[in-house]
Amino acid sequence: MNFLNYYYVYVEYFIFFFVHNKILIQQKVMLVVMFQIFQFLEIEGHLGAKELTITSLSQESKIF
């Protein structure tokens, strides 16, 4: 599958999670899970996933 397919799906879950859960601990857990998922994708051969994740997460956090 295309890397962007994974990216957009997890961004949607990320936004859904923040909208429906305002507890900081859960948000931190979600950030860790997201980062581990993208690290795994990078290991599987999607180079640059870590940088893309860091920039997109910083942009998402500004929204909330």
PDB file of N, CA and C in Angstrom:
ATOM      1  N   MET A   1       0.840  -1.197   0.000  1.00  0.00           N
ATOM      2  CA  MET A   1       0.000   0.000   0.000  1.00  0.00           C
ATOM      3  C   MET A   1       0.876   1.249   0.000  1.00  0.00           C
ATOM      4  N   ASN A   2       0.295   2.328  -0.418  1.00  0.00           N
ATOM      5  CA  ASN A   2       1.020   3.590  -0.471  1.00  0.00           C
ATOM      6  C   ASN A   2       1.193   4.158   0.934  1.00  0.00           C
ATOM      7  N   PHE A   3       2.334   4.768   1.177  1.00  0.00           N
ATOM      8  CA  PHE A   3       2.606   5.348   2.493  1.00  0.00           C
ATOM      9  C   PHE A   3       1.589   6.431   2.840  1.00  0.00           C
ATOM     10  N   LEU A   4       1.180   7.227   1.854  1.00  0.00           N
ATOM     11  CA  LEU A   4       0.235   8.311   2.134  1.00  0.00           C
ATOM     12  C   LEU A   4      -1.113   7.777   2.590  1.00  0.00           C
ATOM     13  N   ASN A   5      -1.477   6.570   2.134  1.00  0.00           N
ATOM     14  CA  ASN A   5      -2.719   5.969   2.611  1.00  0.00           C
ATOM     15  C   ASN A   5      -2.649   5.751   4.119  1.00  0.00           C
ATOM     16  N   TYR A   6      -1.538   5.185   4.588  1.00  0.00           N
ATOM     17  CA  TYR A   6      -1.344   5.010   6.026  1.00  0.00           C
ATOM     18  C   TYR A   6      -1.368   6.368   6.732  1.00  0.00           C
ATOM     19  N   TYR A   7      -0.681   7.338   6.143  1.00  0.00           N
ATOM     20  CA  TYR A   7      -0.537   8.651   6.773  1.00  0.00           C
ATOM     21  C   TYR A   7      -1.893   9.303   7.011  1.00  0.00           C
ATOM     22  N   TYR A   8      -2.728   9.359   5.969  1.00  0.00           N
ATOM     23  CA  TYR A   8      -4.011  10.039   6.105  1.00  0.00           C
ATOM     24  C   TYR A   8      -4.946   9.296   7.053  1.00  0.00           C
ATOM     25  N   VAL A   9      -4.902   7.976   7.040  1.00  0.00           N
ATOM     26  CA  VAL A   9      -5.749   7.200   7.954  1.00  0.00           C
ATOM     27  C   VAL A   9      -5.382   7.502   9.404  1.00  0.00           C
ATOM     28  N   TYR A  10      -4.087   7.507   9.717  1.00  0.00           N
ATOM     29  CA  TYR A  10      -3.681   7.745  11.102  1.00  0.00           C
ATOM     30  C   TYR A  10      -3.881   9.194  11.508  1.00  0.00           C
ATOM     31  N   VAL A  11      -3.760  10.127  10.573  1.00  0.00           N
ATOM     32  CA  VAL A  11      -4.051  11.527  10.897  1.00  0.00           C
ATOM     33  C   VAL A  11      -5.527  11.683  11.245  1.00  0.00           C
ATOM     34  N   GLU A  12      -6.407  10.965  10.514  1.00  0.00           N
ATOM     35  CA  GLU A  12      -7.832  11.027  10.829  1.00  0.00           C
ATOM     36  C   GLU A  12      -8.107  10.469  12.218  1.00  0.00           C
ATOM     37  N   TYR A  13      -7.491   9.338  12.560  1.00  0.00           N
ATOM     38  CA  TYR A  13      -7.648   8.786  13.907  1.00  0.00           C
ATOM     39  C   TYR A  13      -7.088   9.746  14.954  1.00  0.00           C
ATOM     40  N   PHE A  14      -5.969  10.384  14.616  1.00  0.00           N
ATOM     41  CA  PHE A  14      -5.325  11.330  15.525  1.00  0.00           C
ATOM     42  C   PHE A  14      -6.262  12.500  15.842  1.00  0.00           C
ATOM     43  N   ILE A  15      -6.869  13.080  14.801  1.00  0.00           N
ATOM     44  CA  ILE A  15      -7.794  14.200  14.983  1.00  0.00           C
ATOM     45  C   ILE A  15      -9.029  13.746  15.758  1.00  0.00           C
ATOM     46  N   PHE A  16      -9.578  12.577  15.392  1.00  0.00           N
ATOM     47  CA  PHE A  16     -10.745  12.029  16.082  1.00  0.00           C
ATOM     48  C   PHE A  16     -10.452  11.848  17.568  1.00  0.00           C
ATOM     49  N   PHE A  17      -9.257  11.343  17.858  1.00  0.00           N
ATOM     50  CA  PHE A  17      -8.870  11.088  19.248  1.00  0.00           C
ATOM     51  C   PHE A  17      -8.817  12.390  20.041  1.00  0.00           C
ATOM     52  N   PHE A  18      -8.227  13.439  19.460  1.00  0.00           N
ATOM     53  CA  PHE A  18      -8.103  14.710  20.171  1.00  0.00           C
ATOM     54  C   PHE A  18      -9.451  15.388  20.347  1.00  0.00           C
ATOM     55  N   VAL A  19     -10.330  15.252  19.370  1.00  0.00           N
ATOM     56  CA  VAL A  19     -11.635  15.907  19.466  1.00  0.00           C
ATOM     57  C   VAL A  19     -12.479  15.260  20.562  1.00  0.00           C
ATOM     58  N   HIS A  20     -12.390  13.945  20.679  1.00  0.00           N
ATOM     59  CA  HIS A  20     -13.278  13.225  21.591  1.00  0.00           C
ATOM     60  C   HIS A  20     -12.640  12.900  22.937  1.00  0.00           C
ATOM     61  N   ASN A  21     -11.356  13.187  23.121  1.00  0.00           N
ATOM     62  CA  ASN A  21     -10.691  12.927  24.404  1.00  0.00           C
ATOM     63  C   ASN A  21      -9.780  14.098  24.750  1.00  0.00           C
ATOM     64  N   LYS A  22     -10.095  14.774  25.837  1.00  0.00           N
ATOM     65  CA  LYS A  22      -9.321  15.955  26.221  1.00  0.00           C
ATOM     66  C   LYS A  22      -8.346  15.668  27.360  1.00  0.00           C
ATOM     67  N   ILE A  23      -8.185  14.397  27.728  1.00  0.00           N
ATOM     68  CA  ILE A  23      -7.310  14.053  28.841  1.00  0.00           C
ATOM     69  C   ILE A  23      -5.855  14.016  28.359  1.00  0.00           C
ATOM     70  N   LEU A  24      -4.981  14.735  29.043  1.00  0.00           N
ATOM     71  CA  LEU A  24      -3.598  14.884  28.585  1.00  0.00           C
ATOM     72  C   LEU A  24      -2.862  13.553  28.536  1.00  0.00           C
ATOM     73  N   ILE A  25      -3.112  12.676  29.502  1.00  0.00           N
ATOM     74  CA  ILE A  25      -2.403  11.399  29.523  1.00  0.00           C
ATOM     75  C   ILE A  25      -2.731  10.598  28.268  1.00  0.00           C
ATOM     76  N   GLN A  26      -4.013  10.573  27.889  1.00  0.00           N
ATOM     77  CA  GLN A  26      -4.409   9.826  26.699  1.00  0.00           C
ATOM     78  C   GLN A  26      -3.798  10.447  25.446  1.00  0.00           C
ATOM     79  N   GLN A  27      -3.698  11.775  25.424  1.00  0.00           N
ATOM     80  CA  GLN A  27      -3.098  12.438  24.265  1.00  0.00           C
ATOM     81  C   GLN A  27      -1.618  12.061  24.144  1.00  0.00           C
ATOM     82  N   LYS A  28      -0.925  12.022  25.281  1.00  0.00           N
ATOM     83  CA  LYS A  28       0.492  11.656  25.249  1.00  0.00           C
ATOM     84  C   LYS A  28       0.668  10.215  24.785  1.00  0.00           C
ATOM     85  N   VAL A  29      -0.204   9.324  25.260  1.00  0.00           N
ATOM     86  CA  VAL A  29      -0.135   7.926  24.824  1.00  0.00           C
ATOM     87  C   VAL A  29      -0.353   7.837  23.324  1.00  0.00           C
ATOM     88  N   MET A  30      -1.311   8.606  22.801  1.00  0.00           N
ATOM     89  CA  MET A  30      -1.601   8.575  21.374  1.00  0.00           C
ATOM     90  C   MET A  30      -0.394   9.079  20.579  1.00  0.00           C
ATOM     91  N   LEU A  31       0.273  10.119  21.075  1.00  0.00           N
ATOM     92  CA  LEU A  31       1.462  10.631  20.390  1.00  0.00           C
ATOM     93  C   LEU A  31       2.549   9.566  20.325  1.00  0.00           C
ATOM     94  N   VAL A  32       2.742   8.845  21.430  1.00  0.00           N
ATOM     95  CA  VAL A  32       3.767   7.803  21.458  1.00  0.00           C
ATOM     96  C   VAL A  32       3.425   6.688  20.479  1.00  0.00           C
ATOM     97  N   VAL A  33       2.144   6.288  20.467  1.00  0.00           N
ATOM     98  CA  VAL A  33       1.710   5.224  19.553  1.00  0.00           C
ATOM     99  C   VAL A  33       1.904   5.658  18.107  1.00  0.00           C
ATOM    100  N   MET A  34       1.518   6.903  17.793  1.00  0.00           N
ATOM    101  CA  MET A  34       1.683   7.415  16.429  1.00  0.00           C
ATOM    102  C   MET A  34       3.157   7.378  16.026  1.00  0.00           C
ATOM    103  N   PHE A  35       4.032   7.837  16.917  1.00  0.00           N
ATOM    104  CA  PHE A  35       5.453   7.905  16.591  1.00  0.00           C
ATOM    105  C   PHE A  35       6.018   6.511  16.364  1.00  0.00           C
ATOM    106  N   GLN A  36       5.595   5.538  17.192  1.00  0.00           N
ATOM    107  CA  GLN A  36       6.073   4.171  17.016  1.00  0.00           C
ATOM    108  C   GLN A  36       5.577   3.583  15.701  1.00  0.00           C
ATOM    109  N   ILE A  37       4.336   3.899  15.326  1.00  0.00           N
ATOM    110  CA  ILE A  37       3.790   3.396  14.058  1.00  0.00           C
ATOM    111  C   ILE A  37       4.622   3.919  12.888  1.00  0.00           C
ATOM    112  N   PHE A  38       4.937   5.222  12.908  1.00  0.00           N
ATOM    113  CA  PHE A  38       5.695   5.786  11.798  1.00  0.00           C
ATOM    114  C   PHE A  38       7.146   5.316  11.807  1.00  0.00           C
ATOM    115  N   GLN A  39       7.697   5.048  12.991  1.00  0.00           N
ATOM    116  CA  GLN A  39       9.041   4.468  13.040  1.00  0.00           C
ATOM    117  C   GLN A  39       9.032   3.082  12.405  1.00  0.00           C
ATOM    118  N   PHE A  40       7.991   2.299  12.669  1.00  0.00           N
ATOM    119  CA  PHE A  40       7.870   0.971  12.073  1.00  0.00           C
ATOM    120  C   PHE A  40       7.757   1.079  10.552  1.00  0.00           C
ATOM    121  N   LEU A  41       6.954   2.028  10.073  1.00  0.00           N
ATOM    122  CA  LEU A  41       6.795   2.200   8.628  1.00  0.00           C
ATOM    123  C   LEU A  41       8.122   2.602   7.992  1.00  0.00           C
ATOM    124  N   GLU A  42       8.894   3.427   8.706  1.00  0.00           N
ATOM    125  CA  GLU A  42      10.189   3.847   8.169  1.00  0.00           C
ATOM    126  C   GLU A  42      11.131   2.653   8.081  1.00  0.00           C
ATOM    127  N   ILE A  43      11.108   1.795   9.095  1.00  0.00           N
ATOM    128  CA  ILE A  43      11.942   0.593   9.079  1.00  0.00           C
ATOM    129  C   ILE A  43      11.539  -0.310   7.914  1.00  0.00           C
ATOM    130  N   GLU A  44      10.248  -0.344   7.615  1.00  0.00           N
ATOM    131  CA  GLU A  44       9.748  -1.194   6.532  1.00  0.00           C
ATOM    132  C   GLU A  44      10.114  -0.643   5.151  1.00  0.00           C
ATOM    133  N   GLY A  45      10.717   0.531   5.097  1.00  0.00           N
ATOM    134  CA  GLY A  45      11.200   1.021   3.814  1.00  0.00           C
ATOM    135  C   GLY A  45      10.663   2.370   3.392  1.00  0.00           C
ATOM    136  N   HIS A  46       9.824   2.985   4.216  1.00  0.00           N
ATOM    137  CA  HIS A  46       9.295   4.302   3.868  1.00  0.00           C
ATOM    138  C   HIS A  46      10.220   5.359   4.458  1.00  0.00           C
ATOM    139  N   LEU A  47      11.237   5.738   3.707  1.00  0.00           N
ATOM    140  CA  LEU A  47      12.228   6.686   4.202  1.00  0.00           C
ATOM    141  C   LEU A  47      11.600   8.063   4.352  1.00  0.00           C
ATOM    142  N   GLY A  48      12.015   8.771   5.388  1.00  0.00           N
ATOM    143  CA  GLY A  48      11.512  10.116   5.622  1.00  0.00           C
ATOM    144  C   GLY A  48      10.231  10.153   6.431  1.00  0.00           C
ATOM    145  N   ALA A  49       9.743   9.011   6.893  1.00  0.00           N
ATOM    146  CA  ALA A  49       8.486   8.986   7.642  1.00  0.00           C
ATOM    147  C   ALA A  49       8.631   9.716   8.977  1.00  0.00           C
ATOM    148  N   LYS A  50       9.806   9.589   9.588  1.00  0.00           N
ATOM    149  CA  LYS A  50       9.996  10.206  10.907  1.00  0.00           C
ATOM    150  C   LYS A  50       9.914  11.729  10.801  1.00  0.00           C
ATOM    151  N   GLU A  51      10.579  12.301   9.804  1.00  0.00           N
ATOM    152  CA  GLU A  51      10.544  13.747   9.633  1.00  0.00           C
ATOM    153  C   GLU A  51       9.127  14.213   9.317  1.00  0.00           C
ATOM    154  N   LEU A  52       8.437  13.463   8.467  1.00  0.00           N
ATOM    155  CA  LEU A  52       7.067  13.817   8.111  1.00  0.00           C
ATOM    156  C   LEU A  52       6.171  13.764   9.338  1.00  0.00           C
ATOM    157  N   THR A  53       6.397  12.765  10.190  1.00  0.00           N
ATOM    158  CA  THR A  53       5.590  12.611  11.401  1.00  0.00           C
ATOM    159  C   THR A  53       5.814  13.776  12.354  1.00  0.00           C
ATOM    160  N   ILE A  54       7.068  14.150  12.546  1.00  0.00           N
ATOM    161  CA  ILE A  54       7.377  15.224  13.491  1.00  0.00           C
ATOM    162  C   ILE A  54       6.745  16.532  13.027  1.00  0.00           C
ATOM    163  N   THR A  55       6.862  16.858  11.751  1.00  0.00           N
ATOM    164  CA  THR A  55       6.313  18.119  11.264  1.00  0.00           C
ATOM    165  C   THR A  55       4.796  18.102  11.308  1.00  0.00           C
ATOM    166  N   SER A  56       4.180  16.978  10.930  1.00  0.00           N
ATOM    167  CA  SER A  56       2.722  16.928  10.904  1.00  0.00           C
ATOM    168  C   SER A  56       2.153  16.950  12.314  1.00  0.00           C
ATOM    169  N   LEU A  57       2.818  16.271  13.259  1.00  0.00           N
ATOM    170  CA  LEU A  57       2.322  16.276  14.637  1.00  0.00           C
ATOM    171  C   LEU A  57       2.442  17.660  15.250  1.00  0.00           C
ATOM    172  N   SER A  58       3.506  18.389  14.925  1.00  0.00           N
ATOM    173  CA  SER A  58       3.647  19.734  15.464  1.00  0.00           C
ATOM    174  C   SER A  58       2.565  20.644  14.887  1.00  0.00           C
ATOM    175  N   GLN A  59       2.203  20.435  13.624  1.00  0.00           N
ATOM    176  CA  GLN A  59       1.127  21.222  13.030  1.00  0.00           C
ATOM    177  C   GLN A  59      -0.220  20.849  13.633  1.00  0.00           C
ATOM    178  N   GLU A  60      -0.445  19.551  13.872  1.00  0.00           N
ATOM    179  CA  GLU A  60      -1.710  19.112  14.461  1.00  0.00           C
ATOM    180  C   GLU A  60      -1.860  19.655  15.879  1.00  0.00           C
ATOM    181  N   SER A  61      -0.764  19.697  16.640  1.00  0.00           N
ATOM    182  CA  SER A  61      -0.855  20.143  18.028  1.00  0.00           C
ATOM    183  C   SER A  61      -1.199  21.629  18.102  1.00  0.00           C
ATOM    184  N   LYS A  62      -0.825  22.404  17.080  1.00  0.00           N
ATOM    185  CA  LYS A  62      -1.179  23.821  17.066  1.00  0.00           C
ATOM    186  C   LYS A  62      -2.693  24.000  16.932  1.00  0.00           C
ATOM    187  N   ILE A  63      -3.344  23.074  16.221  1.00  0.00           N
ATOM    188  CA  ILE A  63      -4.791  23.169  16.028  1.00  0.00           C
ATOM    189  C   ILE A  63      -5.507  23.014  17.365  1.00  0.00           C
ATOM    190  N   PHE A  64      -4.985  22.122  18.210  1.00  0.00           N
ATOM    191  CA  PHE A  64      -5.654  21.844  19.474  1.00  0.00           C
ATOM    192  C   PHE A  64      -4.990  22.597  20.620  1.00  0.00           C
TER     193      PHE A  64
END
